[in-house]
């Protein structure tokens, strides 16, 4: 199955067919990943 077909199925099943809302939901569900931090940044929090 292609990515487009999968996104259309997800939009149909969970977002009333609204592809934009589906994509926004997927992107909003992803947290911000911090991959590189200096030790002093971690200690200050």
PDB file of N, CA and C in Angstrom:
ATOM      1  N   UNK A   1       0.861  -1.183   0.000  1.00  0.00           N
ATOM      2  CA  UNK A   1       0.000   0.000   0.000  1.00  0.00           C
ATOM      3  C   UNK A   1       0.907   1.246   0.000  1.00  0.00           C
ATOM      4  N   UNK A   2       0.533   2.233  -0.761  1.00  0.00           N
ATOM      5  CA  UNK A   2       1.337   3.444  -0.850  1.00  0.00           C
ATOM      6  C   UNK A   2       1.042   4.375   0.324  1.00  0.00           C
ATOM      7  N   UNK A   3       1.932   5.282   0.564  1.00  0.00           N
ATOM      8  CA  UNK A   3       1.762   6.262   1.641  1.00  0.00           C
ATOM      9  C   UNK A   3       0.508   7.086   1.424  1.00  0.00           C
ATOM     10  N   UNK A   4       0.264   7.491   0.202  1.00  0.00           N
ATOM     11  CA  UNK A   4      -0.919   8.293  -0.115  1.00  0.00           C
ATOM     12  C   UNK A   4      -2.197   7.521   0.196  1.00  0.00           C
ATOM     13  N   UNK A   5      -2.229   6.271  -0.195  1.00  0.00           N
ATOM     14  CA  UNK A   5      -3.410   5.447   0.071  1.00  0.00           C
ATOM     15  C   UNK A   5      -3.616   5.269   1.570  1.00  0.00           C
ATOM     16  N   UNK A   6      -2.536   5.056   2.298  1.00  0.00           N
ATOM     17  CA  UNK A   6      -2.636   4.893   3.755  1.00  0.00           C
ATOM     18  C   UNK A   6      -3.141   6.168   4.419  1.00  0.00           C
ATOM     19  N   UNK A   7      -2.632   7.321   3.996  1.00  0.00           N
ATOM     20  CA  UNK A   7      -3.101   8.594   4.557  1.00  0.00           C
ATOM     21  C   UNK A   7      -4.570   8.836   4.232  1.00  0.00           C
ATOM     22  N   UNK A   8      -4.981   8.499   3.025  1.00  0.00           N
ATOM     23  CA  UNK A   8      -6.396   8.657   2.664  1.00  0.00           C
ATOM     24  C   UNK A   8      -7.288   7.758   3.515  1.00  0.00           C
ATOM     25  N   UNK A   9      -6.836   6.535   3.770  1.00  0.00           N
ATOM     26  CA  UNK A   9      -7.599   5.621   4.622  1.00  0.00           C
ATOM     27  C   UNK A   9      -7.685   6.154   6.052  1.00  0.00           C
ATOM     28  N   UNK A  10      -6.575   6.661   6.571  1.00  0.00           N
ATOM     29  CA  UNK A  10      -6.573   7.222   7.924  1.00  0.00           C
ATOM     30  C   UNK A  10      -7.507   8.421   8.000  1.00  0.00           C
ATOM     31  N   UNK A  11      -7.473   9.270   6.991  1.00  0.00           N
ATOM     32  CA  UNK A  11      -8.340  10.454   6.965  1.00  0.00           C
ATOM     33  C   UNK A  11      -9.801  10.040   6.896  1.00  0.00           C
ATOM     34  N   UNK A  12     -10.095   9.063   6.086  1.00  0.00           N
ATOM     35  CA  UNK A  12     -11.471   8.583   5.960  1.00  0.00           C
ATOM     36  C   UNK A  12     -11.967   7.977   7.268  1.00  0.00           C
ATOM     37  N   UNK A  13     -11.139   7.155   7.899  1.00  0.00           N
ATOM     38  CA  UNK A  13     -11.563   6.433   9.096  1.00  0.00           C
ATOM     39  C   UNK A  13     -11.600   7.304  10.352  1.00  0.00           C
ATOM     40  N   UNK A  14     -10.690   8.265  10.458  1.00  0.00           N
ATOM     41  CA  UNK A  14     -10.603   8.991  11.713  1.00  0.00           C
ATOM     42  C   UNK A  14     -10.885  10.471  11.668  1.00  0.00           C
ATOM     43  N   UNK A  15     -11.021  11.021  10.466  1.00  0.00           N
ATOM     44  CA  UNK A  15     -11.158  12.473  10.356  1.00  0.00           C
ATOM     45  C   UNK A  15     -12.248  12.881   9.377  1.00  0.00           C
ATOM     46  N   UNK A  16     -13.184  12.013   9.167  1.00  0.00           N
ATOM     47  CA  UNK A  16     -14.301  12.323   8.279  1.00  0.00           C
ATOM     48  C   UNK A  16     -13.885  12.627   6.849  1.00  0.00           C
ATOM     49  N   UNK A  17     -12.753  12.076   6.431  1.00  0.00           N
ATOM     50  CA  UNK A  17     -12.283  12.288   5.072  1.00  0.00           C
ATOM     51  C   UNK A  17     -11.436  13.536   4.882  1.00  0.00           C
ATOM     52  N   UNK A  18     -11.206  14.294   5.957  1.00  0.00           N
ATOM     53  CA  UNK A  18     -10.432  15.533   5.878  1.00  0.00           C
ATOM     54  C   UNK A  18      -8.945  15.213   5.945  1.00  0.00           C
ATOM     55  N   UNK A  19      -8.304  15.163   4.793  1.00  0.00           N
ATOM     56  CA  UNK A  19      -6.893  14.793   4.706  1.00  0.00           C
ATOM     57  C   UNK A  19      -6.007  15.805   5.433  1.00  0.00           C
ATOM     58  N   UNK A  20      -6.313  17.082   5.313  1.00  0.00           N
ATOM     59  CA  UNK A  20      -5.517  18.110   5.985  1.00  0.00           C
ATOM     60  C   UNK A  20      -5.568  17.935   7.493  1.00  0.00           C
ATOM     61  N   UNK A  21      -6.742  17.695   8.038  1.00  0.00           N
ATOM     62  CA  UNK A  21      -6.882  17.487   9.484  1.00  0.00           C
ATOM     63  C   UNK A  21      -6.123  16.247   9.927  1.00  0.00           C
ATOM     64  N   UNK A  22      -6.151  15.218   9.120  1.00  0.00           N
ATOM     65  CA  UNK A  22      -5.437  13.990   9.435  1.00  0.00           C
ATOM     66  C   UNK A  22      -3.930  14.236   9.504  1.00  0.00           C
ATOM     67  N   UNK A  23      -3.398  14.915   8.507  1.00  0.00           N
ATOM     68  CA  UNK A  23      -1.960  15.194   8.472  1.00  0.00           C
ATOM     69  C   UNK A  23      -1.568  16.094   9.636  1.00  0.00           C
ATOM     70  N   UNK A  24      -2.372  17.106   9.930  1.00  0.00           N
ATOM     71  CA  UNK A  24      -2.075  17.986  11.064  1.00  0.00           C
ATOM     72  C   UNK A  24      -2.085  17.202  12.367  1.00  0.00           C
ATOM     73  N   UNK A  25      -3.019  16.280  12.518  1.00  0.00           N
ATOM     74  CA  UNK A  25      -3.085  15.448  13.718  1.00  0.00           C
ATOM     75  C   UNK A  25      -1.818  14.603  13.866  1.00  0.00           C
ATOM     76  N   UNK A  26      -1.384  13.994  12.773  1.00  0.00           N
ATOM     77  CA  UNK A  26      -0.178  13.162  12.806  1.00  0.00           C
ATOM     78  C   UNK A  26       1.038  14.002  13.177  1.00  0.00           C
ATOM     79  N   UNK A  27       1.160  15.184  12.588  1.00  0.00           N
ATOM     80  CA  UNK A  27       2.310  16.033  12.872  1.00  0.00           C
ATOM     81  C   UNK A  27       2.271  16.582  14.295  1.00  0.00           C
ATOM     82  N   UNK A  28       1.084  16.936  14.787  1.00  0.00           N
ATOM     83  CA  UNK A  28       0.962  17.461  16.147  1.00  0.00           C
ATOM     84  C   UNK A  28       1.214  16.393  17.195  1.00  0.00           C
ATOM     85  N   UNK A  29       0.960  15.141  16.858  1.00  0.00           N
ATOM     86  CA  UNK A  29       1.140  14.045  17.808  1.00  0.00           C
ATOM     87  C   UNK A  29       2.619  13.733  18.035  1.00  0.00           C
ATOM     88  N   UNK A  30       3.457  14.184  17.130  1.00  0.00           N
ATOM     89  CA  UNK A  30       4.884  13.935  17.265  1.00  0.00           C
ATOM     90  C   UNK A  30       5.505  14.988  18.168  1.00  0.00           C
ATOM     91  N   UNK A  31       6.205  14.548  19.200  1.00  0.00           N
ATOM     92  CA  UNK A  31       6.882  15.479  20.096  1.00  0.00           C
ATOM     93  C   UNK A  31       8.144  16.023  19.463  1.00  0.00           C
ATOM     94  N   UNK A  32       8.620  17.090  19.998  1.00  0.00           N
ATOM     95  CA  UNK A  32       9.867  17.663  19.517  1.00  0.00           C
ATOM     96  C   UNK A  32      11.024  16.815  20.022  1.00  0.00           C
ATOM     97  N   UNK A  33      11.856  16.372  19.124  1.00  0.00           N
ATOM     98  CA  UNK A  33      12.989  15.540  19.484  1.00  0.00           C
ATOM     99  C   UNK A  33      14.227  16.417  19.576  1.00  0.00           C
ATOM    100  N   UNK A  34      14.876  16.347  20.700  1.00  0.00           N
ATOM    101  CA  UNK A  34      16.130  17.075  20.881  1.00  0.00           C
ATOM    102  C   UNK A  34      17.242  16.045  20.844  1.00  0.00           C
ATOM    103  N   UNK A  35      18.084  16.159  19.854  1.00  0.00           N
ATOM    104  CA  UNK A  35      19.114  15.144  19.688  1.00  0.00           C
ATOM    105  C   UNK A  35      20.468  15.571  20.235  1.00  0.00           C
ATOM    106  N   UNK A  36      20.758  16.846  20.210  1.00  0.00           N
ATOM    107  CA  UNK A  36      22.045  17.329  20.696  1.00  0.00           C
ATOM    108  C   UNK A  36      21.836  18.435  21.717  1.00  0.00           C
ATOM    109  N   UNK A  37      22.348  18.210  22.923  1.00  0.00           N
ATOM    110  CA  UNK A  37      22.257  19.233  23.966  1.00  0.00           C
ATOM    111  C   UNK A  37      23.580  19.281  24.707  1.00  0.00           C
ATOM    112  N   UNK A  38      23.950  20.460  25.093  1.00  0.00           N
ATOM    113  CA  UNK A  38      25.149  20.624  25.911  1.00  0.00           C
ATOM    114  C   UNK A  38      24.820  20.232  27.349  1.00  0.00           C
ATOM    115  N   UNK A  39      25.771  19.697  28.087  1.00  0.00           N
ATOM    116  CA  UNK A  39      25.496  19.281  29.471  1.00  0.00           C
ATOM    117  C   UNK A  39      24.925  20.395  30.341  1.00  0.00           C
ATOM    118  N   UNK A  40      25.386  21.616  30.149  1.00  0.00           N
ATOM    119  CA  UNK A  40      24.872  22.708  30.981  1.00  0.00           C
ATOM    120  C   UNK A  40      23.397  23.005  30.695  1.00  0.00           C
ATOM    121  N   UNK A  41      22.940  22.727  29.496  1.00  0.00           N
ATOM    122  CA  UNK A  41      21.527  22.896  29.191  1.00  0.00           C
ATOM    123  C   UNK A  41      20.676  21.887  29.963  1.00  0.00           C
ATOM    124  N   UNK A  42      21.153  20.692  30.090  1.00  0.00           N
ATOM    125  CA  UNK A  42      20.428  19.644  30.795  1.00  0.00           C
ATOM    126  C   UNK A  42      20.415  19.950  32.293  1.00  0.00           C
ATOM    127  N   UNK A  43      21.550  20.367  32.850  1.00  0.00           N
ATOM    128  CA  UNK A  43      21.653  20.611  34.281  1.00  0.00           C
ATOM    129  C   UNK A  43      20.830  21.798  34.741  1.00  0.00           C
ATOM    130  N   UNK A  44      20.610  22.767  33.858  1.00  0.00           N
ATOM    131  CA  UNK A  44      19.854  23.958  34.245  1.00  0.00           C
ATOM    132  C   UNK A  44      18.366  23.703  34.320  1.00  0.00           C
ATOM    133  N   UNK A  45      17.896  22.632  33.794  1.00  0.00           N
ATOM    134  CA  UNK A  45      16.452  22.370  33.784  1.00  0.00           C
ATOM    135  C   UNK A  45      16.001  21.608  34.972  1.00  0.00           C
TER     136      UNK A  45
END
